[in-house]
Protein backbone atom coordinates (compact mmCIF):
# COMPACT_ATOMS: atom_id res chain seq x y z
CA MET A 1 -25.61 -6.02 -31.38
CA LEU A 2 -22.92 -4.35 -33.47
CA LYS A 3 -19.27 -4.89 -32.55
CA GLU A 4 -18.74 -1.19 -31.79
CA GLU A 5 -21.75 -1.14 -29.47
CA ARG A 6 -20.59 -4.28 -27.67
CA GLN A 7 -17.09 -2.91 -27.21
CA GLN A 8 -18.43 0.36 -25.80
CA LYS A 9 -20.54 -1.62 -23.34
CA ILE A 10 -17.43 -3.58 -22.32
CA ILE A 11 -15.68 -0.29 -21.54
CA ASP A 12 -18.73 0.90 -19.57
CA ILE A 13 -18.78 -2.31 -17.51
CA LEU A 14 -15.03 -2.06 -16.93
CA ASN A 15 -15.30 1.51 -15.63
CA ILE A 16 -17.94 0.43 -13.13
CA GLU A 17 -16.58 -2.96 -12.05
CA GLN A 18 -12.83 -2.20 -12.49
CA LYS A 19 -12.14 -5.52 -14.24
CA VAL A 20 -13.94 -7.92 -16.58
CA ILE A 21 -13.75 -11.68 -17.12
CA ALA A 22 -13.99 -13.00 -20.67
CA SER A 23 -16.28 -15.91 -19.75
CA ASP A 24 -18.66 -13.57 -17.90
CA LEU A 25 -18.80 -11.15 -20.84
CA SER A 26 -19.50 -14.07 -23.15
CA ASN A 27 -22.57 -14.92 -21.10
CA ARG A 28 -23.71 -11.30 -20.79
CA PHE A 29 -23.57 -10.66 -24.52
CA ASN A 30 -24.48 -14.18 -25.66
CA VAL A 31 -21.42 -14.46 -27.90
CA SER A 32 -18.46 -16.85 -27.91
CA GLU A 33 -15.40 -16.31 -25.71
CA ASP A 34 -13.32 -16.08 -28.89
CA THR A 35 -15.43 -13.07 -29.94
CA ILE A 36 -14.87 -11.43 -26.56
CA ARG A 37 -11.14 -12.11 -26.74
CA ARG A 38 -10.99 -10.41 -30.14
CA ASP A 39 -12.88 -7.46 -28.68
CA LEU A 40 -10.46 -7.22 -25.77
CA LYS A 41 -7.47 -7.48 -28.11
CA GLU A 42 -8.78 -4.61 -30.24
CA LEU A 43 -9.54 -2.45 -27.21
CA ASP A 44 -6.11 -3.18 -25.79
CA SER A 45 -4.48 -2.09 -29.06
CA GLN A 46 -6.38 1.19 -28.73
CA LYS A 47 -5.08 1.50 -25.13
CA LEU A 48 -8.64 1.55 -23.79
CA LEU A 49 -7.99 -1.38 -21.44
CA LYS A 50 -5.23 -3.79 -20.42
CA ARG A 51 -5.68 -7.44 -21.37
CA VAL A 52 -4.80 -10.05 -18.76
CA HIS A 53 -5.03 -13.84 -18.84
CA SER A 54 -8.72 -14.17 -17.94
CA GLY A 55 -10.09 -10.84 -19.16
CA ALA A 56 -9.08 -7.19 -18.83
CA LEU A 57 -8.33 -4.36 -16.39
CA ARG A 58 -8.84 -0.63 -16.55
CA VAL A 59 -5.87 1.30 -17.86
CA GLY A 60 -4.42 4.04 -15.72
CA PRO A 61 -4.77 7.76 -16.38
CA PRO A 62 -3.04 9.22 -19.43
CA ILE A 63 0.58 10.22 -18.97
CA THR A 64 0.60 13.95 -18.27
CA ASP A 65 3.36 16.24 -17.07
CA PHE A 66 4.17 16.74 -13.41
CA ALA A 67 3.10 20.38 -13.25
CA TYR A 68 -0.37 19.53 -14.55
CA ARG A 69 -0.87 16.64 -12.10
CA GLU A 70 0.45 18.67 -9.16
CA ASN A 71 -2.64 20.90 -9.31
CA LEU A 72 -5.16 18.05 -9.54
CA ASN A 73 -7.05 16.82 -6.44
CA MET A 74 -4.94 19.00 -4.15
CA GLU A 75 -7.23 18.73 -1.11
CA ARG A 76 -7.54 14.96 -1.48
CA LYS A 77 -3.76 14.58 -1.65
CA LYS A 78 -3.33 16.79 1.40
CA ALA A 79 -5.80 14.62 3.33
CA LEU A 80 -3.82 11.50 2.38
CA ALA A 81 -0.63 13.23 3.48
CA HIS A 82 -2.01 13.93 6.95
CA LYS A 83 -2.90 10.24 7.34
CA ALA A 84 0.64 9.28 6.37
CA LEU A 85 2.51 11.64 8.70
CA PRO A 86 2.32 9.33 11.78
CA PHE A 87 4.27 6.68 9.85
CA LEU A 88 7.28 9.00 9.52
CA LYS A 89 9.53 8.39 12.52
CA GLU A 90 12.05 10.81 13.97
CA ASN A 91 15.73 10.14 13.21
CA SER A 92 14.90 7.49 10.61
CA VAL A 93 16.11 7.05 7.03
CA ILE A 94 13.26 7.56 4.57
CA ILE A 95 13.22 7.10 0.79
CA ILE A 96 10.62 9.25 -0.96
CA ASP A 97 10.34 8.91 -4.71
CA GLY A 98 8.57 11.22 -7.10
CA SER A 99 4.83 11.74 -7.22
CA THR A 100 2.55 14.70 -6.71
CA THR A 101 0.99 12.97 -3.70
CA ASN A 102 4.43 12.44 -2.18
CA LEU A 103 5.19 16.12 -2.78
CA ALA A 104 1.98 16.98 -0.93
CA LEU A 105 3.20 14.85 1.98
CA VAL A 106 6.60 16.56 2.09
CA LYS A 107 4.89 19.95 2.27
CA GLU A 108 3.12 18.80 5.46
CA ILE A 109 6.22 17.56 7.31
CA PRO A 110 6.84 19.78 10.38
CA LEU A 111 9.86 22.06 10.10
CA ASP A 112 11.34 20.66 13.35
CA PHE A 113 11.25 17.04 12.11
CA HIS A 114 14.61 15.19 12.26
CA ALA A 115 15.39 12.57 9.61
CA THR A 116 17.46 11.63 6.59
CA VAL A 117 15.48 11.68 3.34
CA ILE A 118 16.78 10.05 0.17
CA THR A 119 14.97 11.04 -3.01
CA ASN A 120 15.30 10.90 -6.79
CA SER A 121 12.78 13.74 -7.13
CA PRO A 122 14.27 17.24 -7.55
CA PRO A 123 10.96 18.96 -6.56
CA ILE A 124 10.90 16.99 -3.30
CA ALA A 125 14.56 17.78 -2.61
CA VAL A 126 13.89 21.49 -3.16
CA GLU A 127 10.83 21.43 -0.87
CA LEU A 128 12.86 19.75 1.89
CA SER A 129 15.59 22.39 1.67
CA GLN A 130 13.46 24.45 4.06
CA HIS A 131 13.81 21.80 6.79
CA ALA A 132 16.90 22.52 8.84
CA HIS A 133 16.87 19.14 10.61
CA ILE A 134 16.39 16.92 7.57
CA GLU A 135 19.49 15.72 5.75
CA VAL A 136 18.50 15.54 2.09
CA ILE A 137 20.29 13.14 -0.26
CA ASN A 138 19.27 13.82 -3.86
CA ILE A 139 20.07 10.82 -6.05
CA GLY A 140 21.46 11.70 -9.45
CA GLY A 141 20.59 10.26 -12.84
CA THR A 142 18.84 11.23 -16.04
CA LEU A 143 15.83 13.47 -15.47
CA TYR A 144 12.55 11.92 -16.66
CA LYS A 145 10.68 15.18 -17.15
CA GLN A 146 7.09 13.90 -17.18
CA SER A 147 7.46 12.58 -13.63
CA MET A 148 10.30 14.90 -12.54
CA ILE A 149 12.44 12.05 -11.25
CA ASN A 150 16.01 10.92 -11.86
CA LEU A 151 16.39 7.47 -13.41
CA GLY A 152 19.16 5.36 -14.89
CA VAL A 153 22.30 3.44 -14.00
CA GLU A 154 23.61 6.10 -11.59
CA THR A 155 20.33 6.06 -9.65
CA TYR A 156 20.23 2.26 -9.49
CA LYS A 157 23.88 1.91 -8.37
CA PHE A 158 23.40 4.40 -5.55
CA LEU A 159 20.42 2.43 -4.22
CA GLN A 160 22.45 -0.79 -4.08
CA ASN A 161 24.56 0.66 -1.28
CA ILE A 162 21.99 1.96 1.22
CA ARG A 163 19.41 0.76 3.72
CA ALA A 164 16.25 2.68 4.66
CA ASP A 165 13.66 2.34 7.40
CA LEU A 166 10.75 3.41 5.20
CA TYR A 167 10.11 3.81 1.49
CA ILE A 168 7.22 6.06 0.48
CA MET A 169 6.32 4.79 -2.97
CA GLY A 170 4.59 7.02 -5.47
CA ILE A 171 1.87 4.77 -6.90
CA TYR A 172 0.73 5.35 -10.47
CA ASN A 173 -1.59 2.32 -10.71
CA ILE A 174 -2.59 -0.56 -8.45
CA ASP A 175 -4.61 -3.73 -8.95
CA ILE A 176 -5.12 -6.62 -6.56
CA GLU A 177 -3.95 -9.15 -9.17
CA ALA A 178 -1.48 -7.18 -11.32
CA GLY A 179 0.09 -5.31 -8.38
CA THR A 180 1.57 -1.83 -8.62
CA SER A 181 2.62 -0.58 -12.04
CA VAL A 182 3.98 2.44 -13.88
CA PRO A 183 4.20 3.52 -17.54
CA THR A 184 7.94 2.87 -18.01
CA MET A 185 10.23 -0.06 -17.21
CA HIS A 186 13.06 2.25 -16.09
CA GLU A 187 10.86 3.71 -13.35
CA ALA A 188 9.62 0.24 -12.34
CA GLU A 189 13.21 -0.98 -11.88
CA ILE A 190 14.11 1.95 -9.62
CA LYS A 191 10.98 1.44 -7.51
CA GLN A 192 11.76 -2.26 -7.16
CA GLN A 193 15.22 -1.44 -5.84
CA MET A 194 13.88 1.18 -3.44
CA ALA A 195 11.46 -1.37 -2.00
CA LYS A 196 14.21 -3.98 -1.78
CA VAL A 197 16.48 -1.82 0.40
CA SER A 198 13.68 -0.61 2.75
CA THR A 199 12.30 -2.26 5.87
CA GLU A 200 8.74 -1.01 5.22
CA VAL A 201 6.93 0.40 2.20
CA LEU A 202 4.06 2.89 2.33
CA GLY A 203 1.81 4.02 -0.51
CA MET A 204 -0.90 6.69 -0.80
CA ILE A 205 -3.58 6.67 -3.51
CA THR A 206 -6.81 8.42 -4.37
CA ASN A 207 -9.49 5.74 -4.69
CA ASP A 208 -9.82 6.08 -8.47
CA LYS A 209 -6.49 4.27 -8.83
CA PHE A 210 -7.83 0.96 -7.51
CA GLY A 211 -8.17 -1.59 -10.29
CA THR A 212 -5.92 0.19 -12.80
CA VAL A 213 -2.79 -1.06 -14.49
CA SER A 214 0.10 0.27 -16.59
CA TYR A 215 2.65 -1.43 -18.82
CA ALA A 216 5.52 -1.95 -16.35
CA ILE A 217 4.84 -3.99 -13.19
CA VAL A 218 6.65 -2.89 -10.02
CA GLY A 219 5.53 -5.74 -7.77
CA PRO A 220 2.62 -7.46 -5.97
CA VAL A 221 0.44 -5.43 -3.63
CA ASP A 222 1.76 -7.30 -0.61
CA ASP A 223 5.17 -5.69 -1.20
CA LEU A 224 3.47 -2.72 0.50
CA SER A 225 3.40 -2.61 4.30
CA PHE A 226 0.78 0.17 4.42
CA LEU A 227 -1.67 1.51 1.85
CA ILE A 228 -3.48 4.78 2.58
CA SER A 229 -6.55 5.77 0.57
CA GLU A 230 -10.03 7.30 0.92
CA ASN A 231 -13.63 6.07 0.83
CA ILE A 232 -12.50 2.57 -0.02
CA PRO A 233 -15.28 0.47 -1.65
CA GLU A 234 -16.26 -2.51 0.50
CA LYS A 235 -15.47 -4.97 -2.29
CA VAL A 236 -11.99 -3.53 -2.62
CA ARG A 237 -11.47 -3.55 1.14
CA LYS A 238 -12.33 -7.25 1.36
CA GLU A 239 -9.88 -8.09 -1.41
CA TYR A 240 -7.01 -6.17 0.17
CA ASN A 241 -7.72 -7.45 3.67
CA LYS A 242 -6.61 -10.87 2.42
CA LYS A 243 -3.15 -9.47 1.73
CA LYS A 244 -0.45 -8.83 4.31
CA LEU A 245 -0.71 -5.04 4.32
CA LEU A 246 -2.43 -2.46 6.47
CA LEU A 247 -5.20 -0.69 4.52
CA ILE A 248 -6.07 2.74 5.91
CA ASP A 249 -8.76 5.27 4.99
């Protein structure tokens, strides 16, 4: 088998099984583990997968701008939002960071809902301006345009001086071993601080995000209190049931 053919088959297996183990691939293709490691290194350099200690994980979706992602999977995101609404408690302090799924959630919050919402997402702050009973605190910083969120020292310093009841984390990628991750370290640092100052953390994901990873790790999956998804594969459900979080679909 040619190297190119073997590497394509590795990608095919990874897309189906979500992760691959070097020793298993060695047996499947009847080649040495060193050969497989070289394959994984090459594929990682091409950003076709993410190497980890024992093998590789699927990479997340390509980085696209917020406006493009906002119009993708709209009905699926709305369904996730409706599942999340019961976790929002009246008169609580809620941090909501930027994501198109989080924006879908904000659009479903009843207009008579009472709360304080802290956000580093200008689109979410604008959407909440229609809610007369929600105090909106828009955290400043440098605008990261691809995700439409404010990041930087100003954002981080503000978060050091607050406490929240719930943090609704926008999840870019999630893997049972690697945890939650995002494309940039600056965003990962802000998410880490948001989780640190919150009593509970909730995430919402479409099921294609399971088993994907980006460059910057936010934290382990059990940093989440609740994870809401859809049509969760049984194998994935069993893995996450071992963690201290409530998995909902």
